[in-house]
Amino acid sequence: MPARHALIVSDVMTQPVETVSMDDSIRIIRDMFEANKYHHLIVHGDSRECVGVISDRDLLKNISPFVGKMGERTADRSLLDRRAHQIMTRQLVAVRANTALRAAARVMLEHHISCLPVVDQSGHCIGIVTLRDVVRWAVDELENPNKTSPKLAA
């Protein structure tokens, strides 16, 4: 049996990552979530550095359930004009691509978060690792315990 290597974040992260600027409207963000079935968007600053995260749950907390419905009011529609920086999570927890996957999973559990932006040395987002990525890897490991990851075999 080949020696097992410790998995790192870059082995399972999703890339490229969809980002929004701090001034993008909630309307744009909602449309991105709906069109692409994302669960997280990364918010970037003026220098394209990662400054926050917006989850689909953040979005749902900040828009009216009446938008687009018969009972919609002007106030409901005006919520869509708010900006990303008004609803994003600012306490950013991020990892580097060479972080051990086990350590990244532990960080998500300890911080009660469902994703970690993967950043380079300049703070630019190069990927994202989510609980779904970790679960997908774990299920694959359980189903194929002797399989060597194609990324690791090279």
C-alpha atoms as a PDB file:
ATOM      1  CA  MET A   1       0.000   0.000   0.000  1.00  0.00           C
ATOM      2  CA  PRO A   2       1.435   3.446  -0.908  1.00  0.00           C
ATOM      3  CA  ALA A   3       2.310   5.829   1.917  1.00  0.00           C
ATOM      4  CA  ARG A   4      -0.520   8.220   2.725  1.00  0.00           C
ATOM      5  CA  HIS A   5       0.166  11.915   2.541  1.00  0.00           C
ATOM      6  CA  ALA A   6      -1.550  14.519   4.667  1.00  0.00           C
ATOM      7  CA  LEU A   7      -4.102  16.340   2.570  1.00  0.00           C
ATOM      8  CA  ILE A   8      -3.826  20.100   2.300  1.00  0.00           C
ATOM      9  CA  VAL A   9      -6.498  22.676   1.545  1.00  0.00           C
ATOM     10  CA  SER A  10      -5.433  23.099  -2.096  1.00  0.00           C
ATOM     11  CA  ASP A  11      -6.289  19.408  -2.678  1.00  0.00           C
ATOM     12  CA  VAL A  12     -10.006  19.994  -2.066  1.00  0.00           C
ATOM     13  CA  MET A  13     -10.648  23.732  -2.397  1.00  0.00           C
ATOM     14  CA  THR A  14     -12.954  25.166  -5.017  1.00  0.00           C
ATOM     15  CA  GLN A  15     -11.473  27.595  -7.477  1.00  0.00           C
ATOM     16  CA  PRO A  16     -11.917  30.022  -9.063  1.00  0.00           C
ATOM     17  CA  VAL A  17     -13.995  31.843  -6.478  1.00  0.00           C
ATOM     18  CA  GLU A  18     -16.837  34.206  -7.233  1.00  0.00           C
ATOM     19  CA  THR A  19     -16.267  37.560  -5.537  1.00  0.00           C
ATOM     20  CA  VAL A  20     -18.208  40.768  -5.073  1.00  0.00           C
ATOM     21  CA  SER A  21     -17.046  44.225  -4.135  1.00  0.00           C
ATOM     22  CA  MET A  22     -18.011  45.900  -0.886  1.00  0.00           C
ATOM     23  CA  ASP A  23     -20.309  48.267  -2.799  1.00  0.00           C
ATOM     24  CA  ASP A  24     -22.195  45.674  -4.854  1.00  0.00           C
ATOM     25  CA  SER A  25     -25.911  45.730  -4.131  1.00  0.00           C
ATOM     26  CA  ILE A  26     -27.836  42.989  -2.407  1.00  0.00           C
ATOM     27  CA  ARG A  27     -29.832  42.739  -5.653  1.00  0.00           C
ATOM     28  CA  ILE A  28     -26.641  41.728  -7.525  1.00  0.00           C
ATOM     29  CA  ILE A  29     -25.647  39.340  -4.748  1.00  0.00           C
ATOM     30  CA  ARG A  30     -29.087  37.713  -4.708  1.00  0.00           C
ATOM     31  CA  ASP A  31     -28.947  37.245  -8.476  1.00  0.00           C
ATOM     32  CA  MET A  32     -25.492  35.631  -8.225  1.00  0.00           C
ATOM     33  CA  PHE A  33     -26.667  33.202  -5.551  1.00  0.00           C
ATOM     34  CA  GLU A  34     -29.759  32.276  -7.563  1.00  0.00           C
ATOM     35  CA  ALA A  35     -27.968  31.885 -10.904  1.00  0.00           C
ATOM     36  CA  ASN A  36     -25.057  29.821  -9.632  1.00  0.00           C
ATOM     37  CA  LYS A  37     -26.371  27.917  -6.610  1.00  0.00           C
ATOM     38  CA  TYR A  38     -23.500  29.215  -4.467  1.00  0.00           C
ATOM     39  CA  HIS A  39     -23.666  29.165  -0.688  1.00  0.00           C
ATOM     40  CA  HIS A  40     -20.853  31.695  -0.099  1.00  0.00           C
ATOM     41  CA  LEU A  41     -19.462  34.737  -1.857  1.00  0.00           C
ATOM     42  CA  ILE A  42     -16.160  36.375  -1.004  1.00  0.00           C
ATOM     43  CA  VAL A  43     -16.139  40.155  -0.601  1.00  0.00           C
ATOM     44  CA  HIS A  44     -13.019  41.926  -1.823  1.00  0.00           C
ATOM     45  CA  GLY A  45     -11.687  45.374  -1.046  1.00  0.00           C
ATOM     46  CA  ASP A  46     -10.293  48.042  -3.356  1.00  0.00           C
ATOM     47  CA  SER A  47      -6.979  46.174  -3.754  1.00  0.00           C
ATOM     48  CA  ARG A  48      -8.833  42.898  -4.423  1.00  0.00           C
ATOM     49  CA  GLU A  49      -7.869  41.625  -0.947  1.00  0.00           C
ATOM     50  CA  CYS A  50     -10.340  39.379   0.846  1.00  0.00           C
ATOM     51  CA  VAL A  51     -12.258  41.435   3.437  1.00  0.00           C
ATOM     52  CA  GLY A  52     -15.401  39.435   4.162  1.00  0.00           C
ATOM     53  CA  VAL A  53     -17.805  36.627   3.355  1.00  0.00           C
ATOM     54  CA  ILE A  54     -21.511  36.618   2.555  1.00  0.00           C
ATOM     55  CA  SER A  55     -23.369  33.353   2.993  1.00  0.00           C
ATOM     56  CA  ASP A  56     -26.756  32.514   1.551  1.00  0.00           C
ATOM     57  CA  ARG A  57     -28.013  32.667   5.147  1.00  0.00           C
ATOM     58  CA  ASP A  58     -26.696  36.234   5.511  1.00  0.00           C
ATOM     59  CA  LEU A  59     -28.615  37.143   2.383  1.00  0.00           C
ATOM     60  CA  LEU A  60     -31.839  35.531   3.605  1.00  0.00           C
ATOM     61  CA  LYS A  61     -31.584  37.435   6.898  1.00  0.00           C
ATOM     62  CA  ASN A  62     -31.304  40.723   5.026  1.00  0.00           C
ATOM     63  CA  ILE A  63     -34.011  40.569   2.369  1.00  0.00           C
ATOM     64  CA  SER A  64     -37.738  40.567   2.817  1.00  0.00           C
ATOM     65  CA  PRO A  65     -39.628  37.348   2.085  1.00  0.00           C
ATOM     66  CA  PHE A  66     -42.168  39.549   0.276  1.00  0.00           C
ATOM     67  CA  VAL A  67     -39.777  40.690  -2.490  1.00  0.00           C
ATOM     68  CA  GLY A  68     -41.265  39.678  -5.836  1.00  0.00           C
ATOM     69  CA  LYS A  69     -44.559  38.665  -4.236  1.00  0.00           C
ATOM     70  CA  MET A  70     -47.969  40.295  -4.316  1.00  0.00           C
ATOM     71  CA  GLY A  71     -47.508  41.709  -0.804  1.00  0.00           C
ATOM     72  CA  GLU A  72     -44.244  43.445  -1.717  1.00  0.00           C
ATOM     73  CA  ARG A  73     -43.868  46.989  -0.396  1.00  0.00           C
ATOM     74  CA  THR A  74     -41.481  49.778  -1.338  1.00  0.00           C
ATOM     75  CA  ALA A  75     -39.546  49.133   1.873  1.00  0.00           C
ATOM     76  CA  ASP A  76     -39.085  45.486   0.852  1.00  0.00           C
ATOM     77  CA  ARG A  77     -37.655  46.499  -2.537  1.00  0.00           C
ATOM     78  CA  SER A  78     -35.380  49.137  -1.009  1.00  0.00           C
ATOM     79  CA  LEU A  79     -33.590  46.442   1.012  1.00  0.00           C
ATOM     80  CA  LEU A  80     -32.189  45.156  -2.293  1.00  0.00           C
ATOM     81  CA  ASP A  81     -30.322  48.458  -2.702  1.00  0.00           C
ATOM     82  CA  ARG A  82     -28.252  47.910   0.446  1.00  0.00           C
ATOM     83  CA  ARG A  83     -24.577  47.071  -0.112  1.00  0.00           C
ATOM     84  CA  ALA A  84     -22.400  44.013   0.494  1.00  0.00           C
ATOM     85  CA  HIS A  85     -20.440  45.728   3.269  1.00  0.00           C
ATOM     86  CA  GLN A  86     -23.696  46.159   5.195  1.00  0.00           C
ATOM     87  CA  ILE A  87     -24.427  42.420   5.431  1.00  0.00           C
ATOM     88  CA  MET A  88     -21.045  40.698   5.134  1.00  0.00           C
ATOM     89  CA  THR A  89     -19.262  38.878   7.928  1.00  0.00           C
ATOM     90  CA  ARG A  90     -16.230  41.017   8.699  1.00  0.00           C
ATOM     91  CA  GLN A  91     -14.511  38.749  11.236  1.00  0.00           C
ATOM     92  CA  LEU A  92     -12.721  36.976   8.446  1.00  0.00           C
ATOM     93  CA  VAL A  93     -11.121  33.635   9.192  1.00  0.00           C
ATOM     94  CA  ALA A  94      -8.991  32.447   6.284  1.00  0.00           C
ATOM     95  CA  VAL A  95      -6.334  29.829   5.543  1.00  0.00           C
ATOM     96  CA  ARG A  96      -3.455  29.390   3.136  1.00  0.00           C
ATOM     97  CA  ALA A  97      -3.449  26.769   0.368  1.00  0.00           C
ATOM     98  CA  ASN A  98      -0.807  24.674   2.135  1.00  0.00           C
ATOM     99  CA  THR A  99      -2.787  24.422   5.403  1.00  0.00           C
ATOM    100  CA  ALA A 100      -3.494  20.843   6.428  1.00  0.00           C
ATOM    101  CA  LEU A 101      -7.093  19.946   5.627  1.00  0.00           C
ATOM    102  CA  ARG A 102      -7.502  18.529   9.123  1.00  0.00           C
ATOM    103  CA  ALA A 103      -6.431  21.886  10.611  1.00  0.00           C
ATOM    104  CA  ALA A 104      -8.784  23.807   8.314  1.00  0.00           C
ATOM    105  CA  ALA A 105     -11.704  21.567   9.313  1.00  0.00           C
ATOM    106  CA  ARG A 106     -10.847  22.107  12.980  1.00  0.00           C
ATOM    107  CA  VAL A 107     -10.854  25.907  12.437  1.00  0.00           C
ATOM    108  CA  MET A 108     -14.324  25.724  10.855  1.00  0.00           C
ATOM    109  CA  LEU A 109     -15.637  23.691  13.777  1.00  0.00           C
ATOM    110  CA  GLU A 110     -14.055  25.925  16.435  1.00  0.00           C
ATOM    111  CA  HIS A 111     -15.318  29.131  14.816  1.00  0.00           C
ATOM    112  CA  HIS A 112     -18.757  27.717  13.905  1.00  0.00           C
ATOM    113  CA  ILE A 113     -18.316  28.674  10.253  1.00  0.00           C
ATOM    114  CA  SER A 114     -19.043  26.761   7.079  1.00  0.00           C
ATOM    115  CA  CYS A 115     -16.338  28.097   4.783  1.00  0.00           C
ATOM    116  CA  LEU A 116     -12.802  29.386   4.744  1.00  0.00           C
ATOM    117  CA  PRO A 117     -11.451  31.682   2.072  1.00  0.00           C
ATOM    118  CA  VAL A 118      -8.053  30.465   0.869  1.00  0.00           C
ATOM    119  CA  VAL A 119      -5.747  33.446   0.515  1.00  0.00           C
ATOM    120  CA  ASP A 120      -2.268  34.045  -0.860  1.00  0.00           C
ATOM    121  CA  GLN A 121       0.447  36.051   0.910  1.00  0.00           C
ATOM    122  CA  SER A 122      -1.153  39.309  -0.315  1.00  0.00           C
ATOM    123  CA  GLY A 123      -4.566  38.424   1.110  1.00  0.00           C
ATOM    124  CA  HIS A 124      -6.112  37.806  -2.320  1.00  0.00           C
ATOM    125  CA  CYS A 125      -8.628  34.977  -2.432  1.00  0.00           C
ATOM    126  CA  ILE A 126      -7.386  32.071  -4.549  1.00  0.00           C
ATOM    127  CA  GLY A 127      -9.996  29.509  -3.505  1.00  0.00           C
ATOM    128  CA  ILE A 128     -12.541  28.511  -0.913  1.00  0.00           C
ATOM    129  CA  VAL A 129     -12.888  25.390   1.195  1.00  0.00           C
ATOM    130  CA  THR A 130     -16.298  24.592   2.635  1.00  0.00           C
ATOM    131  CA  LEU A 131     -17.717  22.023   4.998  1.00  0.00           C
ATOM    132  CA  ARG A 132     -19.238  20.431   1.905  1.00  0.00           C
ATOM    133  CA  ASP A 133     -15.721  20.022   0.420  1.00  0.00           C
ATOM    134  CA  VAL A 134     -14.524  18.384   3.638  1.00  0.00           C
ATOM    135  CA  VAL A 135     -17.540  16.065   3.804  1.00  0.00           C
ATOM    136  CA  ARG A 136     -17.110  15.130   0.131  1.00  0.00           C
ATOM    137  CA  TRP A 137     -13.466  14.204   0.832  1.00  0.00           C
ATOM    138  CA  ALA A 138     -14.417  12.270   4.008  1.00  0.00           C
ATOM    139  CA  VAL A 139     -17.098  10.250   2.220  1.00  0.00           C
ATOM    140  CA  ASP A 140     -14.655   9.423  -0.566  1.00  0.00           C
ATOM    141  CA  GLU A 141     -12.102   8.312   2.056  1.00  0.00           C
ATOM    142  CA  LEU A 142     -14.660   6.105   3.779  1.00  0.00           C
ATOM    143  CA  GLU A 143     -15.751   4.530   0.501  1.00  0.00           C
ATOM    144  CA  ASN A 144     -12.198   4.120  -0.871  1.00  0.00           C
ATOM    145  CA  PRO A 145      -9.820   3.893   2.104  1.00  0.00           C
ATOM    146  CA  ASN A 146      -6.853   2.587   0.052  1.00  0.00           C
ATOM    147  CA  LYS A 147      -7.163   5.030  -2.825  1.00  0.00           C
ATOM    148  CA  THR A 148      -4.384   7.573  -3.312  1.00  0.00           C
ATOM    149  CA  SER A 149      -5.620  11.022  -4.257  1.00  0.00           C
ATOM    150  CA  PRO A 150      -4.802  11.821  -7.908  1.00  0.00           C
ATOM    151  CA  LYS A 151      -3.386  15.199  -6.833  1.00  0.00           C
ATOM    152  CA  LEU A 152      -1.126  13.513  -4.323  1.00  0.00           C
ATOM    153  CA  ALA A 153      -0.001  10.699  -6.615  1.00  0.00           C
ATOM    154  CA  ALA A 154       1.662  13.079  -9.083  1.00  0.00           C
END
